[in-house]
Amino acid sequence: MIKVSVMYPNGKDVQFDTDYYKNSHLPMISKSLGKDLKGLEFEVGIAGRQPDELAPYVAIAHLLFDDVASFKSSFAPHAATFAADVKNYSNVDGELQISELITLS
């Protein structure tokens, strides 16, 4: 199992429309990726390490897939559409990381 994390860096001039992302962008992604998408989580950053510090990321989405091949084959046909929608919810691009999930007992 792999996790694809899309992390949106935070900063003083960052704009991020949480409602649009949650109610429009993520449902579009879920529908487009279909059965290859095994799970989806959304986090909204609320704080950093220090009390008055911004969270490093304003938002993070985690998408679960069986493997990298299923991610690439389901995501690639829609990548341009997903990227074009960013302007509707943020003024920053997300950073993408693919991780292997390791289960600990």
C-alpha atoms as a PDB file:
ATOM      1  CA  MET A   1       0.000   0.000   0.000  1.00  0.00           C
ATOM      2  CA  ILE A   2       1.232   3.500  -0.789  1.00  0.00           C
ATOM      3  CA  LYS A   3       0.170   6.944   0.352  1.00  0.00           C
ATOM      4  CA  VAL A   4       0.293   9.935  -1.959  1.00  0.00           C
ATOM      5  CA  SER A   5       0.416  13.112   0.111  1.00  0.00           C
ATOM      6  CA  VAL A   6      -0.302  16.505  -1.421  1.00  0.00           C
ATOM      7  CA  MET A   7       0.944  19.162   1.005  1.00  0.00           C
ATOM      8  CA  TYR A   8       0.167  22.860   0.565  1.00  0.00           C
ATOM      9  CA  PRO A   9       2.877  25.049   2.169  1.00  0.00           C
ATOM     10  CA  ASN A  10       1.637  27.685   4.578  1.00  0.00           C
ATOM     11  CA  GLY A  11       2.720  31.319   4.812  1.00  0.00           C
ATOM     12  CA  LYS A  12       1.467  34.800   5.580  1.00  0.00           C
ATOM     13  CA  ASP A  13       0.129  35.395   2.050  1.00  0.00           C
ATOM     14  CA  VAL A  14      -1.229  31.895   1.434  1.00  0.00           C
ATOM     15  CA  GLN A  15      -4.893  31.603   0.553  1.00  0.00           C
ATOM     16  CA  PHE A  16      -6.709  28.283   0.772  1.00  0.00           C
ATOM     17  CA  ASP A  17     -10.472  27.718   0.416  1.00  0.00           C
ATOM     18  CA  THR A  18     -11.064  24.693   2.641  1.00  0.00           C
ATOM     19  CA  ASP A  19     -14.752  24.416   1.752  1.00  0.00           C
ATOM     20  CA  TYR A  20     -14.087  24.357  -1.994  1.00  0.00           C
ATOM     21  CA  TYR A  21     -11.270  21.844  -1.589  1.00  0.00           C
ATOM     22  CA  LYS A  22     -13.377  19.551   0.608  1.00  0.00           C
ATOM     23  CA  ASN A  23     -16.668  19.868  -1.271  1.00  0.00           C
ATOM     24  CA  SER A  24     -15.536  20.223  -4.911  1.00  0.00           C
ATOM     25  CA  HIS A  25     -11.883  19.386  -5.556  1.00  0.00           C
ATOM     26  CA  LEU A  26     -11.561  16.196  -3.495  1.00  0.00           C
ATOM     27  CA  PRO A  27     -14.882  14.732  -4.733  1.00  0.00           C
ATOM     28  CA  MET A  28     -13.715  15.402  -8.321  1.00  0.00           C
ATOM     29  CA  ILE A  29     -10.475  13.554  -7.610  1.00  0.00           C
ATOM     30  CA  SER A  30     -12.254  10.665  -5.924  1.00  0.00           C
ATOM     31  CA  LYS A  31     -14.687  10.248  -8.813  1.00  0.00           C
ATOM     32  CA  SER A  32     -11.925  10.511 -11.427  1.00  0.00           C
ATOM     33  CA  LEU A  33      -9.612   7.973  -9.778  1.00  0.00           C
ATOM     34  CA  GLY A  34     -12.414   5.462  -9.238  1.00  0.00           C
ATOM     35  CA  LYS A  35     -11.711   2.036  -7.767  1.00  0.00           C
ATOM     36  CA  ASP A  36      -7.933   2.559  -7.773  1.00  0.00           C
ATOM     37  CA  LEU A  37      -8.301   5.054  -4.922  1.00  0.00           C
ATOM     38  CA  LYS A  38      -8.450   2.982  -1.727  1.00  0.00           C
ATOM     39  CA  GLY A  39      -8.796   5.809   0.770  1.00  0.00           C
ATOM     40  CA  LEU A  40      -8.753   9.582   1.121  1.00  0.00           C
ATOM     41  CA  GLU A  41      -8.019  11.833   4.098  1.00  0.00           C
ATOM     42  CA  PHE A  42      -7.897  15.620   4.403  1.00  0.00           C
ATOM     43  CA  GLU A  43      -6.067  17.589   7.099  1.00  0.00           C
ATOM     44  CA  VAL A  44      -6.204  21.317   7.808  1.00  0.00           C
ATOM     45  CA  GLY A  45      -3.133  22.749   9.561  1.00  0.00           C
ATOM     46  CA  ILE A  46      -3.932  24.656  12.746  1.00  0.00           C
ATOM     47  CA  ALA A  47      -0.567  25.267  14.452  1.00  0.00           C
ATOM     48  CA  GLY A  48       3.148  24.712  14.299  1.00  0.00           C
ATOM     49  CA  ARG A  49       5.665  23.673  16.927  1.00  0.00           C
ATOM     50  CA  GLN A  50       5.460  26.941  18.890  1.00  0.00           C
ATOM     51  CA  PRO A  51       2.198  28.371  20.298  1.00  0.00           C
ATOM     52  CA  ASP A  52       1.777  31.244  17.818  1.00  0.00           C
ATOM     53  CA  GLU A  53       3.528  29.596  14.881  1.00  0.00           C
ATOM     54  CA  LEU A  54       1.685  28.819  11.639  1.00  0.00           C
ATOM     55  CA  ALA A  55       1.339  25.164  10.701  1.00  0.00           C
ATOM     56  CA  PRO A  56       4.005  24.280   8.098  1.00  0.00           C
ATOM     57  CA  TYR A  57       1.222  23.221   5.724  1.00  0.00           C
ATOM     58  CA  VAL A  58      -2.152  24.933   5.386  1.00  0.00           C
ATOM     59  CA  ALA A  59      -3.663  21.644   4.179  1.00  0.00           C
ATOM     60  CA  ILE A  60      -2.640  18.087   3.359  1.00  0.00           C
ATOM     61  CA  ALA A  61      -4.535  15.449   1.396  1.00  0.00           C
ATOM     62  CA  HIS A  62      -3.583  11.769   1.635  1.00  0.00           C
ATOM     63  CA  LEU A  63      -4.628   9.342  -1.098  1.00  0.00           C
ATOM     64  CA  LEU A  64      -4.165   5.589  -0.688  1.00  0.00           C
ATOM     65  CA  PHE A  65      -3.404   3.186  -3.534  1.00  0.00           C
ATOM     66  CA  ASP A  66      -2.333  -0.436  -3.777  1.00  0.00           C
ATOM     67  CA  ASP A  67       0.894   0.532  -5.533  1.00  0.00           C
ATOM     68  CA  VAL A  68       2.669   3.246  -7.517  1.00  0.00           C
ATOM     69  CA  ALA A  69       1.519   1.758 -10.824  1.00  0.00           C
ATOM     70  CA  SER A  70      -2.175   2.057  -9.906  1.00  0.00           C
ATOM     71  CA  PHE A  71      -1.612   5.651  -8.764  1.00  0.00           C
ATOM     72  CA  LYS A  72       0.145   6.617 -11.987  1.00  0.00           C
ATOM     73  CA  SER A  73      -2.309   4.892 -14.312  1.00  0.00           C
ATOM     74  CA  SER A  74      -5.377   6.407 -12.621  1.00  0.00           C
ATOM     75  CA  PHE A  75      -3.925   9.877 -11.947  1.00  0.00           C
ATOM     76  CA  ALA A  76      -2.064  10.644 -15.192  1.00  0.00           C
ATOM     77  CA  PRO A  77      -5.136  10.973 -17.465  1.00  0.00           C
ATOM     78  CA  HIS A  78      -6.588  13.614 -15.117  1.00  0.00           C
ATOM     79  CA  ALA A  79      -3.443  15.446 -13.937  1.00  0.00           C
ATOM     80  CA  ALA A  80      -4.010  18.514 -16.128  1.00  0.00           C
ATOM     81  CA  THR A  81      -7.630  18.854 -14.946  1.00  0.00           C
ATOM     82  CA  PHE A  82      -6.574  18.539 -11.292  1.00  0.00           C
ATOM     83  CA  ALA A  83      -3.808  21.132 -11.761  1.00  0.00           C
ATOM     84  CA  ALA A  84      -6.128  23.566 -13.548  1.00  0.00           C
ATOM     85  CA  ASP A  85      -8.506  23.500 -10.577  1.00  0.00           C
ATOM     86  CA  VAL A  86      -5.881  24.724  -8.081  1.00  0.00           C
ATOM     87  CA  LYS A  87      -6.658  28.370  -8.921  1.00  0.00           C
ATOM     88  CA  ASN A  88     -10.175  27.802  -7.564  1.00  0.00           C
ATOM     89  CA  TYR A  89      -8.986  27.086  -4.021  1.00  0.00           C
ATOM     90  CA  SER A  90      -5.413  28.293  -3.486  1.00  0.00           C
ATOM     91  CA  ASN A  91      -2.617  30.572  -4.574  1.00  0.00           C
ATOM     92  CA  VAL A  92       0.044  27.924  -3.843  1.00  0.00           C
ATOM     93  CA  ASP A  93       0.784  24.602  -5.522  1.00  0.00           C
ATOM     94  CA  GLY A  94       0.896  21.463  -3.464  1.00  0.00           C
ATOM     95  CA  GLU A  95       4.057  19.441  -2.918  1.00  0.00           C
ATOM     96  CA  LEU A  96       3.568  15.759  -3.729  1.00  0.00           C
ATOM     97  CA  GLN A  97       5.196  12.869  -1.878  1.00  0.00           C
ATOM     98  CA  ILE A  98       4.692   9.153  -2.488  1.00  0.00           C
ATOM     99  CA  SER A  99       5.331   6.996   0.567  1.00  0.00           C
ATOM    100  CA  GLU A 100       5.307   3.298   1.269  1.00  0.00           C
ATOM    101  CA  LEU A 101       3.058   2.441   4.204  1.00  0.00           C
ATOM    102  CA  ILE A 102       4.693   0.168   6.740  1.00  0.00           C
ATOM    103  CA  THR A 103       2.435  -1.467   9.309  1.00  0.00           C
ATOM    104  CA  LEU A 104       3.858  -1.798  12.808  1.00  0.00           C
ATOM    105  CA  SER A 105       2.501  -4.358  15.238  1.00  0.00           C
END
